[in-house]
Amino acid sequence: MFGLGFGEILIVLVLALVLLGPERLPDAAKQLGKGLREFKKATSEIKQQVEKELYSDEKHLPLSASPMRLPTPSATAAPSSAEPDATVTAAASPAALSARTDEPA
């Protein structure tokens, strides 16, 4: 878990037994277990909250943030005089589109 081998774990347990004594060692182990459980619960709640916020932002993206589609061959044909210039709007770059939306109407 922390890169400790059997020998290191044995030394830590012996030191804990010597420092705490046989009466207080079980209580200390219970408290350590409760603390680790609470820590794991708190970190999983934080992780769930972050994931919830990330996924909720993806669901509510504005349409302008979606990738542009390439124009179809029929859209690149020369437009008639009665319809608007479809090739300019379909082939506009994202920078040009953002520049248009930044200008006041």
C-alpha atoms as a PDB file:
ATOM      1  CA  MET A   1       0.000   0.000   0.000  1.00  0.00           C
ATOM      2  CA  PHE A   2       2.636   2.549   1.012  1.00  0.00           C
ATOM      3  CA  GLY A   3       5.596   0.532  -0.232  1.00  0.00           C
ATOM      4  CA  LEU A   4       6.096  -1.062   3.195  1.00  0.00           C
ATOM      5  CA  GLY A   5       7.295  -4.625   3.378  1.00  0.00           C
ATOM      6  CA  PHE A   6       6.443  -7.189   6.025  1.00  0.00           C
ATOM      7  CA  GLY A   7       9.431  -6.228   8.179  1.00  0.00           C
ATOM      8  CA  GLU A   8       8.534  -2.520   8.253  1.00  0.00           C
ATOM      9  CA  ILE A   9       4.907  -3.251   9.138  1.00  0.00           C
ATOM     10  CA  LEU A  10       6.035  -5.564  11.960  1.00  0.00           C
ATOM     11  CA  ILE A  11       8.315  -2.846  13.372  1.00  0.00           C
ATOM     12  CA  VAL A  12       5.475  -0.280  13.275  1.00  0.00           C
ATOM     13  CA  LEU A  13       3.109  -2.678  15.061  1.00  0.00           C
ATOM     14  CA  VAL A  14       5.682  -3.480  17.769  1.00  0.00           C
ATOM     15  CA  LEU A  15       6.347   0.246  18.311  1.00  0.00           C
ATOM     16  CA  ALA A  16       2.604   0.912  18.557  1.00  0.00           C
ATOM     17  CA  LEU A  17       2.241  -1.873  21.123  1.00  0.00           C
ATOM     18  CA  VAL A  18       5.148  -0.529  23.181  1.00  0.00           C
ATOM     19  CA  LEU A  19       4.022   3.116  23.026  1.00  0.00           C
ATOM     20  CA  LEU A  20       0.285   2.584  23.583  1.00  0.00           C
ATOM     21  CA  GLY A  21       0.256  -0.570  25.625  1.00  0.00           C
ATOM     22  CA  PRO A  22      -2.041  -3.567  25.250  1.00  0.00           C
ATOM     23  CA  GLU A  23      -5.044  -1.783  26.815  1.00  0.00           C
ATOM     24  CA  ARG A  24      -5.142   1.239  24.493  1.00  0.00           C
ATOM     25  CA  LEU A  25      -3.982  -0.441  21.251  1.00  0.00           C
ATOM     26  CA  PRO A  26      -7.448  -1.819  20.242  1.00  0.00           C
ATOM     27  CA  ASP A  27      -9.059   1.583  20.829  1.00  0.00           C
ATOM     28  CA  ALA A  28      -6.364   3.291  18.781  1.00  0.00           C
ATOM     29  CA  ALA A  29      -6.893   0.778  15.947  1.00  0.00           C
ATOM     30  CA  LYS A  30     -10.665   1.445  16.027  1.00  0.00           C
ATOM     31  CA  GLN A  31     -10.111   5.185  15.852  1.00  0.00           C
ATOM     32  CA  LEU A  32      -7.655   4.763  12.991  1.00  0.00           C
ATOM     33  CA  GLY A  33     -10.157   2.596  11.105  1.00  0.00           C
ATOM     34  CA  LYS A  34     -12.957   5.111  11.651  1.00  0.00           C
ATOM     35  CA  GLY A  35     -10.725   7.936  10.495  1.00  0.00           C
ATOM     36  CA  LEU A  36      -9.728   6.101   7.325  1.00  0.00           C
ATOM     37  CA  ARG A  37     -13.371   5.220   6.614  1.00  0.00           C
ATOM     38  CA  GLU A  38     -14.463   8.848   7.018  1.00  0.00           C
ATOM     39  CA  PHE A  39     -11.589  10.032   4.829  1.00  0.00           C
ATOM     40  CA  LYS A  40     -12.524   7.567   2.083  1.00  0.00           C
ATOM     41  CA  LYS A  41     -16.188   8.595   2.320  1.00  0.00           C
ATOM     42  CA  ALA A  42     -15.323  12.301   2.091  1.00  0.00           C
ATOM     43  CA  THR A  43     -13.033  11.826  -0.901  1.00  0.00           C
ATOM     44  CA  SER A  44     -15.632   9.741  -2.749  1.00  0.00           C
ATOM     45  CA  GLU A  45     -18.288  12.420  -2.107  1.00  0.00           C
ATOM     46  CA  ILE A  46     -15.959  15.112  -3.436  1.00  0.00           C
ATOM     47  CA  LYS A  47     -15.179  12.976  -6.484  1.00  0.00           C
ATOM     48  CA  GLN A  48     -18.899  12.423  -7.163  1.00  0.00           C
ATOM     49  CA  GLN A  49     -19.609  16.151  -6.825  1.00  0.00           C
ATOM     50  CA  VAL A  50     -16.805  17.070  -9.246  1.00  0.00           C
ATOM     51  CA  GLU A  51     -17.962  14.467 -11.784  1.00  0.00           C
ATOM     52  CA  LYS A  52     -21.553  15.679 -11.441  1.00  0.00           C
ATOM     53  CA  GLU A  53     -20.490  19.267 -12.120  1.00  0.00           C
ATOM     54  CA  LEU A  54     -18.347  18.272 -15.106  1.00  0.00           C
ATOM     55  CA  TYR A  55     -21.064  16.182 -16.704  1.00  0.00           C
ATOM     56  CA  SER A  56     -23.775  18.764 -16.063  1.00  0.00           C
ATOM     57  CA  ASP A  57     -21.652  21.382 -17.865  1.00  0.00           C
ATOM     58  CA  GLU A  58     -21.311  19.084 -20.889  1.00  0.00           C
ATOM     59  CA  LYS A  59     -25.083  18.630 -21.114  1.00  0.00           C
ATOM     60  CA  HIS A  60     -25.756  22.379 -21.122  1.00  0.00           C
ATOM     61  CA  LEU A  61     -23.243  23.459 -23.767  1.00  0.00           C
ATOM     62  CA  PRO A  62     -24.550  26.156 -26.086  1.00  0.00           C
ATOM     63  CA  LEU A  63     -25.129  25.179 -29.701  1.00  0.00           C
ATOM     64  CA  SER A  64     -22.312  27.459 -30.862  1.00  0.00           C
ATOM     65  CA  ALA A  65     -19.846  25.264 -28.953  1.00  0.00           C
ATOM     66  CA  SER A  66     -20.688  22.219 -31.065  1.00  0.00           C
ATOM     67  CA  PRO A  67     -18.213  21.379 -33.831  1.00  0.00           C
ATOM     68  CA  MET A  68     -18.914  22.902 -37.231  1.00  0.00           C
ATOM     69  CA  ARG A  69     -20.032  20.555 -39.957  1.00  0.00           C
ATOM     70  CA  LEU A  70     -18.416  20.618 -43.337  1.00  0.00           C
ATOM     71  CA  PRO A  71     -20.621  21.926 -46.126  1.00  0.00           C
ATOM     72  CA  THR A  72     -22.214  19.396 -48.417  1.00  0.00           C
ATOM     73  CA  PRO A  73     -21.368  19.531 -52.127  1.00  0.00           C
ATOM     74  CA  SER A  74     -24.772  21.045 -52.873  1.00  0.00           C
ATOM     75  CA  ALA A  75     -24.081  23.870 -50.398  1.00  0.00           C
ATOM     76  CA  THR A  76     -20.808  24.745 -52.149  1.00  0.00           C
ATOM     77  CA  ALA A  77     -22.518  25.182 -55.512  1.00  0.00           C
ATOM     78  CA  ALA A  78     -23.068  28.716 -56.690  1.00  0.00           C
ATOM     79  CA  PRO A  79     -26.169  30.102 -54.966  1.00  0.00           C
ATOM     80  CA  SER A  80     -28.984  31.641 -56.910  1.00  0.00           C
ATOM     81  CA  SER A  81     -29.662  35.328 -56.534  1.00  0.00           C
ATOM     82  CA  ALA A  82     -32.906  34.656 -54.622  1.00  0.00           C
ATOM     83  CA  GLU A  83     -31.302  32.689 -51.746  1.00  0.00           C
ATOM     84  CA  PRO A  84     -28.664  33.947 -49.314  1.00  0.00           C
ATOM     85  CA  ASP A  85     -25.011  33.088 -49.788  1.00  0.00           C
ATOM     86  CA  ALA A  86     -24.898  29.602 -48.183  1.00  0.00           C
ATOM     87  CA  THR A  87     -21.212  29.025 -48.918  1.00  0.00           C
ATOM     88  CA  VAL A  88     -20.112  31.976 -46.809  1.00  0.00           C
ATOM     89  CA  THR A  89     -22.137  30.990 -43.737  1.00  0.00           C
ATOM     90  CA  ALA A  90     -21.380  27.265 -44.015  1.00  0.00           C
ATOM     91  CA  ALA A  91     -17.651  27.698 -44.565  1.00  0.00           C
ATOM     92  CA  ALA A  92     -17.088  30.491 -42.039  1.00  0.00           C
ATOM     93  CA  SER A  93     -14.284  29.857 -39.599  1.00  0.00           C
ATOM     94  CA  PRO A  94     -14.937  29.725 -35.818  1.00  0.00           C
ATOM     95  CA  ALA A  95     -12.821  32.857 -35.397  1.00  0.00           C
ATOM     96  CA  ALA A  96     -14.961  34.731 -37.897  1.00  0.00           C
ATOM     97  CA  LEU A  97     -18.141  33.545 -36.198  1.00  0.00           C
ATOM     98  CA  SER A  98     -16.940  34.628 -32.759  1.00  0.00           C
ATOM     99  CA  ALA A  99     -15.895  38.002 -34.173  1.00  0.00           C
ATOM    100  CA  ARG A 100     -19.426  38.503 -35.521  1.00  0.00           C
ATOM    101  CA  THR A 101     -21.052  37.684 -32.188  1.00  0.00           C
ATOM    102  CA  ASP A 102     -18.735  40.006 -30.268  1.00  0.00           C
ATOM    103  CA  GLU A 103     -19.842  43.050 -32.251  1.00  0.00           C
ATOM    104  CA  PRO A 104     -22.850  44.956 -30.896  1.00  0.00           C
ATOM    105  CA  ALA A 105     -26.044  44.560 -32.931  1.00  0.00           C
END
